[in-house]
Each structure stands twice: as C-alpha cells, then as structure tokens.
C-alpha atoms as a PDB file:
ATOM      1  CA  MET A   1     -16.294 -11.148  23.265  1.00  0.00           C
ATOM      2  CA  LEU A   2     -15.423 -13.436  20.493  1.00  0.00           C
ATOM      3  CA  ARG A   3     -18.202 -16.029  21.181  1.00  0.00           C
ATOM      4  CA  PHE A   4     -20.611 -13.107  20.543  1.00  0.00           C
ATOM      5  CA  ILE A   5     -19.145 -12.313  17.177  1.00  0.00           C
ATOM      6  CA  LYS A   6     -18.757 -16.070  16.483  1.00  0.00           C
ATOM      7  CA  HIS A   7     -22.370 -16.563  17.086  1.00  0.00           C
ATOM      8  CA  ASN A   8     -23.543 -13.916  15.033  1.00  0.00           C
ATOM      9  CA  LEU A   9     -21.378 -14.737  12.084  1.00  0.00           C
ATOM     10  CA  THR A  10     -22.744 -18.355  12.101  1.00  0.00           C
ATOM     11  CA  SER A  11     -26.274 -17.251  11.663  1.00  0.00           C
ATOM     12  CA  ILE A  12     -25.302 -15.511   8.229  1.00  0.00           C
ATOM     13  CA  ASP A  13     -25.714 -17.593   5.349  1.00  0.00           C
ATOM     14  CA  GLY A  14     -22.536 -17.627   2.934  1.00  0.00           C
ATOM     15  CA  VAL A  15     -20.192 -15.975   5.402  1.00  0.00           C
ATOM     16  CA  SER A  16     -17.507 -18.442   4.770  1.00  0.00           C
ATOM     17  CA  ILE A  17     -16.626 -16.683   1.456  1.00  0.00           C
ATOM     18  CA  TYR A  18     -15.561 -13.531   3.058  1.00  0.00           C
ATOM     19  CA  PRO A  19     -12.287 -14.678   4.382  1.00  0.00           C
ATOM     20  CA  ILE A  20     -11.473 -16.345   0.933  1.00  0.00           C
ATOM     21  CA  ILE A  21     -12.374 -12.891  -1.008  1.00  0.00           C
ATOM     22  CA  SER A  22     -10.299 -10.921   1.547  1.00  0.00           C
ATOM     23  CA  LEU A  23      -7.356 -13.357   1.150  1.00  0.00           C
ATOM     24  CA  LEU A  24      -7.467 -13.122  -2.613  1.00  0.00           C
ATOM     25  CA  ILE A  25      -7.650  -9.275  -2.514  1.00  0.00           C
ATOM     26  CA  PHE A  26      -4.686  -9.272  -0.255  1.00  0.00           C
ATOM     27  CA  PHE A  27      -2.703 -11.641  -2.355  1.00  0.00           C
ATOM     28  CA  LEU A  28      -3.783  -9.946  -5.768  1.00  0.00           C
ATOM     29  CA  PHE A  29      -2.495  -6.531  -4.455  1.00  0.00           C
ATOM     30  CA  PHE A  30       0.913  -7.565  -3.421  1.00  0.00           C
ATOM     31  CA  ALA A  31       1.240  -9.522  -6.810  1.00  0.00           C
ATOM     32  CA  VAL A  32       0.379  -6.372  -8.709  1.00  0.00           C
ATOM     33  CA  MET A  33       2.741  -4.324  -6.694  1.00  0.00           C
ATOM     34  CA  ILE A  34       5.520  -6.819  -7.114  1.00  0.00           C
ATOM     35  CA  THR A  35       4.997  -7.014 -10.913  1.00  0.00           C
ATOM     36  CA  TRP A  36       4.903  -3.342 -11.031  1.00  0.00           C
ATOM     37  CA  VAL A  37       8.032  -2.843  -9.132  1.00  0.00           C
ATOM     38  CA  TYR A  38       9.873  -5.754 -11.235  1.00  0.00           C
ATOM     39  CA  ARG A  39       8.953  -3.989 -14.510  1.00  0.00           C
ATOM     40  CA  MET A  40       9.939  -0.565 -13.630  1.00  0.00           C
ATOM     41  CA  ARG A  41      12.835   1.105 -15.592  1.00  0.00           C
ATOM     42  CA  LYS A  42      15.876   2.080 -13.806  1.00  0.00           C
ATOM     43  CA  THR A  43      15.584   5.601 -14.546  1.00  0.00           C
ATOM     44  CA  GLU A  44      12.128   5.608 -12.949  1.00  0.00           C
ATOM     45  CA  VAL A  45      13.811   3.977  -9.721  1.00  0.00           C
ATOM     46  CA  GLU A  46      16.450   6.442  -9.589  1.00  0.00           C
ATOM     47  CA  GLU A  47      13.989   9.331 -10.215  1.00  0.00           C
ATOM     48  CA  LEU A  48      11.773   8.068  -7.132  1.00  0.00           C
ATOM     49  CA  SER A  49      14.669   7.410  -4.941  1.00  0.00           C
ATOM     50  CA  ASN A  50      16.064  11.281  -5.357  1.00  0.00           C
ATOM     51  CA  ILE A  51      12.775  12.581  -4.407  1.00  0.00           C
ATOM     52  CA  PRO A  52      13.670  13.118  -0.616  1.00  0.00           C
ATOM     53  CA  PHE A  53      16.824  14.681  -1.516  1.00  0.00           C
ATOM     54  CA  GLU A  54      15.025  17.165  -3.894  1.00  0.00           C
ATOM     55  CA  ASN A  55      12.821  18.273  -1.162  1.00  0.00           C
ATOM     56  CA  GLU A  56      15.481  18.930   1.154  1.00  0.00           C
ATOM     57  CA  GLU A  57      17.377  21.151  -1.513  1.00  0.00           C
ATOM     58  CA  ASN A  58      13.938  22.980  -2.356  1.00  0.00           C
ATOM     59  CA  GLU A  59      13.591  23.621   1.583  1.00  0.00           C
ATOM     60  CA  GLY A  60      17.201  24.992   1.939  1.00  0.00           C
ATOM     61  CA  PHE A  61      16.557  27.133  -1.064  1.00  0.00           C
ATOM     62  CA  GLN A  62      13.463  28.641   0.312  1.00  0.00           C
ATOM     63  CA  GLN A  63      14.870  29.365   3.636  1.00  0.00           C
ATOM     64  CA  GLU A  64      17.729  31.249   1.989  1.00  0.00           C
ATOM     65  CA  ILE A  65      15.384  33.545   0.145  1.00  0.00           C
ATOM     66  CA  GLY A  66      13.251  34.091   3.050  1.00  0.00           C
ATOM     67  CA  PHE A  67      10.129  31.958   2.417  1.00  0.00           C
END
C-alpha cells in the first residue's frame, strides 16, 4: 500500500515542501498556545478552572426547580 502512495508522490513536482510546511504549522500552533497560556493573568486561569464547577452548580439548581 505504501509503495503506491510513495510512487504517486514522487511524480509530483515540489512535493517535498509539504512536510516542511506541516511541521512549521504544527510548531507555530504550539508556540502560540504556550505563549498565550504563559501570558494569561491568574484571574483568567482561576475563572477558567472554575467552569466545570459552575456547570455542576447550575445543573443542581435546575433539577431542584424542575427543569
């Protein structure tokens, strides 16, 4: 199976650039995410970390009033 794919890819001009582009996109995405997380304020982190607990509290409240 791989030899069929490899044979088709070798016939395409400039195909060697695609792995390089995909690696750059992968690296840039994670570099941006790490930078974004590193620069977050502690209040934002606390707010985001409390989201699962807020949903549980709201579900409990909705069950008590009959929704």
